[in-house]
Amino acid sequence: MSTSALQKAKGFKKSKTGTYVSMGTTAFGALSVAKQVKKARAEHDTLKLVDAVVSAAAIVTGLAILYRELKRLGDDDVLLG
């Protein structure tokens, strides 16, 4: 792997594509939180429900941060340069 390719690989996380991948994996976590909520409600377990709500809030916050990062990247995409 050349130095240029290695630099691009290191910069992937700070690229638009890398940010989209991060958003996708973060959103994928919402599936497990939805299952958590469903199970907690079925069991009438308030503590598990609170845990699921906190996890959902963390996912929403994470997505908001990634969205903000995506807006900041704008045209300065590392992989395109």
C-alpha atoms as a PDB file:
ATOM      1  CA  MET A   1       0.000   0.000   0.000  1.00  0.00           C
ATOM      2  CA  SER A   2       1.476   3.346  -0.978  1.00  0.00           C
ATOM      3  CA  THR A   3       1.824   6.233   1.451  1.00  0.00           C
ATOM      4  CA  SER A   4      -0.918   8.171  -0.343  1.00  0.00           C
ATOM      5  CA  ALA A   5      -3.324   5.236  -0.117  1.00  0.00           C
ATOM      6  CA  LEU A   6      -2.442   4.763   3.550  1.00  0.00           C
ATOM      7  CA  GLN A   7      -3.155   8.441   4.261  1.00  0.00           C
ATOM      8  CA  LYS A   8      -6.517   8.120   2.508  1.00  0.00           C
ATOM      9  CA  ALA A   9      -7.328   5.018   4.542  1.00  0.00           C
ATOM     10  CA  LYS A  10      -6.463   6.852   7.758  1.00  0.00           C
ATOM     11  CA  GLY A  11      -8.623   9.780   6.671  1.00  0.00           C
ATOM     12  CA  PHE A  12     -11.626   7.569   5.887  1.00  0.00           C
ATOM     13  CA  LYS A  13     -13.232   8.201   9.264  1.00  0.00           C
ATOM     14  CA  LYS A  14     -13.137  11.948   8.624  1.00  0.00           C
ATOM     15  CA  SER A  15     -14.614  11.635   5.135  1.00  0.00           C
ATOM     16  CA  LYS A  16     -18.229  11.923   4.062  1.00  0.00           C
ATOM     17  CA  THR A  17     -18.301   8.219   3.288  1.00  0.00           C
ATOM     18  CA  GLY A  18     -16.836   7.344   6.673  1.00  0.00           C
ATOM     19  CA  THR A  19     -19.361   9.591   8.393  1.00  0.00           C
ATOM     20  CA  TYR A  20     -22.220   7.936   6.504  1.00  0.00           C
ATOM     21  CA  VAL A  21     -20.909   4.508   7.558  1.00  0.00           C
ATOM     22  CA  SER A  22     -20.732   5.691  11.175  1.00  0.00           C
ATOM     23  CA  MET A  23     -24.286   7.016  10.946  1.00  0.00           C
ATOM     24  CA  GLY A  24     -25.470   3.697   9.551  1.00  0.00           C
ATOM     25  CA  THR A  25     -23.849   1.643  12.273  1.00  0.00           C
ATOM     26  CA  THR A  26     -25.174   4.014  14.929  1.00  0.00           C
ATOM     27  CA  ALA A  27     -28.684   3.819  13.480  1.00  0.00           C
ATOM     28  CA  PHE A  28     -28.367   0.019  13.353  1.00  0.00           C
ATOM     29  CA  GLY A  29     -28.053   0.119  17.145  1.00  0.00           C
ATOM     30  CA  ALA A  30     -31.602   1.480  17.206  1.00  0.00           C
ATOM     31  CA  LEU A  31     -32.840  -1.995  16.288  1.00  0.00           C
ATOM     32  CA  SER A  32     -31.466  -3.501  19.476  1.00  0.00           C
ATOM     33  CA  VAL A  33     -32.878  -0.595  21.508  1.00  0.00           C
ATOM     34  CA  ALA A  34     -36.304  -1.188  19.946  1.00  0.00           C
ATOM     35  CA  LYS A  35     -36.086  -4.843  20.981  1.00  0.00           C
ATOM     36  CA  GLN A  36     -35.049  -3.731  24.471  1.00  0.00           C
ATOM     37  CA  VAL A  37     -38.080  -1.448  24.740  1.00  0.00           C
ATOM     38  CA  LYS A  38     -40.450  -4.144  23.497  1.00  0.00           C
ATOM     39  CA  LYS A  39     -39.095  -6.700  25.971  1.00  0.00           C
ATOM     40  CA  ALA A  40     -39.128  -4.224  28.888  1.00  0.00           C
ATOM     41  CA  ARG A  41     -42.730  -3.252  28.185  1.00  0.00           C
ATOM     42  CA  ALA A  42     -43.803  -6.889  27.891  1.00  0.00           C
ATOM     43  CA  GLU A  43     -42.156  -7.675  31.232  1.00  0.00           C
ATOM     44  CA  HIS A  44     -43.398  -4.428  32.834  1.00  0.00           C
ATOM     45  CA  ASP A  45     -39.801  -3.762  33.877  1.00  0.00           C
ATOM     46  CA  THR A  46     -39.431  -0.035  34.492  1.00  0.00           C
ATOM     47  CA  LEU A  47     -35.681  -0.169  35.068  1.00  0.00           C
ATOM     48  CA  LYS A  48     -35.046  -1.926  31.745  1.00  0.00           C
ATOM     49  CA  LEU A  49     -37.358   0.558  30.049  1.00  0.00           C
ATOM     50  CA  VAL A  50     -35.403   3.496  31.504  1.00  0.00           C
ATOM     51  CA  ASP A  51     -32.176   1.846  30.314  1.00  0.00           C
ATOM     52  CA  ALA A  52     -33.602   1.515  26.801  1.00  0.00           C
ATOM     53  CA  VAL A  53     -34.742   5.148  26.783  1.00  0.00           C
ATOM     54  CA  VAL A  54     -31.282   6.318  27.861  1.00  0.00           C
ATOM     55  CA  SER A  55     -29.728   4.157  25.136  1.00  0.00           C
ATOM     56  CA  ALA A  56     -32.118   5.652  22.581  1.00  0.00           C
ATOM     57  CA  ALA A  57     -31.155   9.147  23.704  1.00  0.00           C
ATOM     58  CA  ALA A  58     -27.489   8.240  23.241  1.00  0.00           C
ATOM     59  CA  ILE A  59     -28.198   7.026  19.709  1.00  0.00           C
ATOM     60  CA  VAL A  60     -30.096  10.211  18.829  1.00  0.00           C
ATOM     61  CA  THR A  61     -27.285  12.334  20.255  1.00  0.00           C
ATOM     62  CA  GLY A  62     -24.676  10.322  18.360  1.00  0.00           C
ATOM     63  CA  LEU A  63     -26.567  10.731  15.107  1.00  0.00           C
ATOM     64  CA  ALA A  64     -26.906  14.467  15.700  1.00  0.00           C
ATOM     65  CA  ILE A  65     -23.155  14.777  16.265  1.00  0.00           C
ATOM     66  CA  LEU A  66     -22.403  12.769  13.121  1.00  0.00           C
ATOM     67  CA  TYR A  67     -24.866  14.893  11.120  1.00  0.00           C
ATOM     68  CA  ARG A  68     -23.152  18.051  12.364  1.00  0.00           C
ATOM     69  CA  GLU A  69     -19.779  16.589  11.350  1.00  0.00           C
ATOM     70  CA  LEU A  70     -21.176  15.746   7.924  1.00  0.00           C
ATOM     71  CA  LYS A  71     -22.311  19.355   7.466  1.00  0.00           C
ATOM     72  CA  ARG A  72     -18.868  20.616   8.540  1.00  0.00           C
ATOM     73  CA  LEU A  73     -17.118  18.416   6.015  1.00  0.00           C
ATOM     74  CA  GLY A  74     -18.959  20.048   3.147  1.00  0.00           C
ATOM     75  CA  ASP A  75     -16.708  20.034   0.105  1.00  0.00           C
ATOM     76  CA  ASP A  76     -13.527  19.323   2.111  1.00  0.00           C
ATOM     77  CA  ASP A  77     -13.887  15.551   1.748  1.00  0.00           C
ATOM     78  CA  VAL A  78     -10.579  13.807   2.529  1.00  0.00           C
ATOM     79  CA  LEU A  79     -11.115  10.998   0.013  1.00  0.00           C
ATOM     80  CA  LEU A  80     -11.868  13.336  -2.867  1.00  0.00           C
ATOM     81  CA  GLY A  81      -8.720  15.432  -2.405  1.00  0.00           C
END
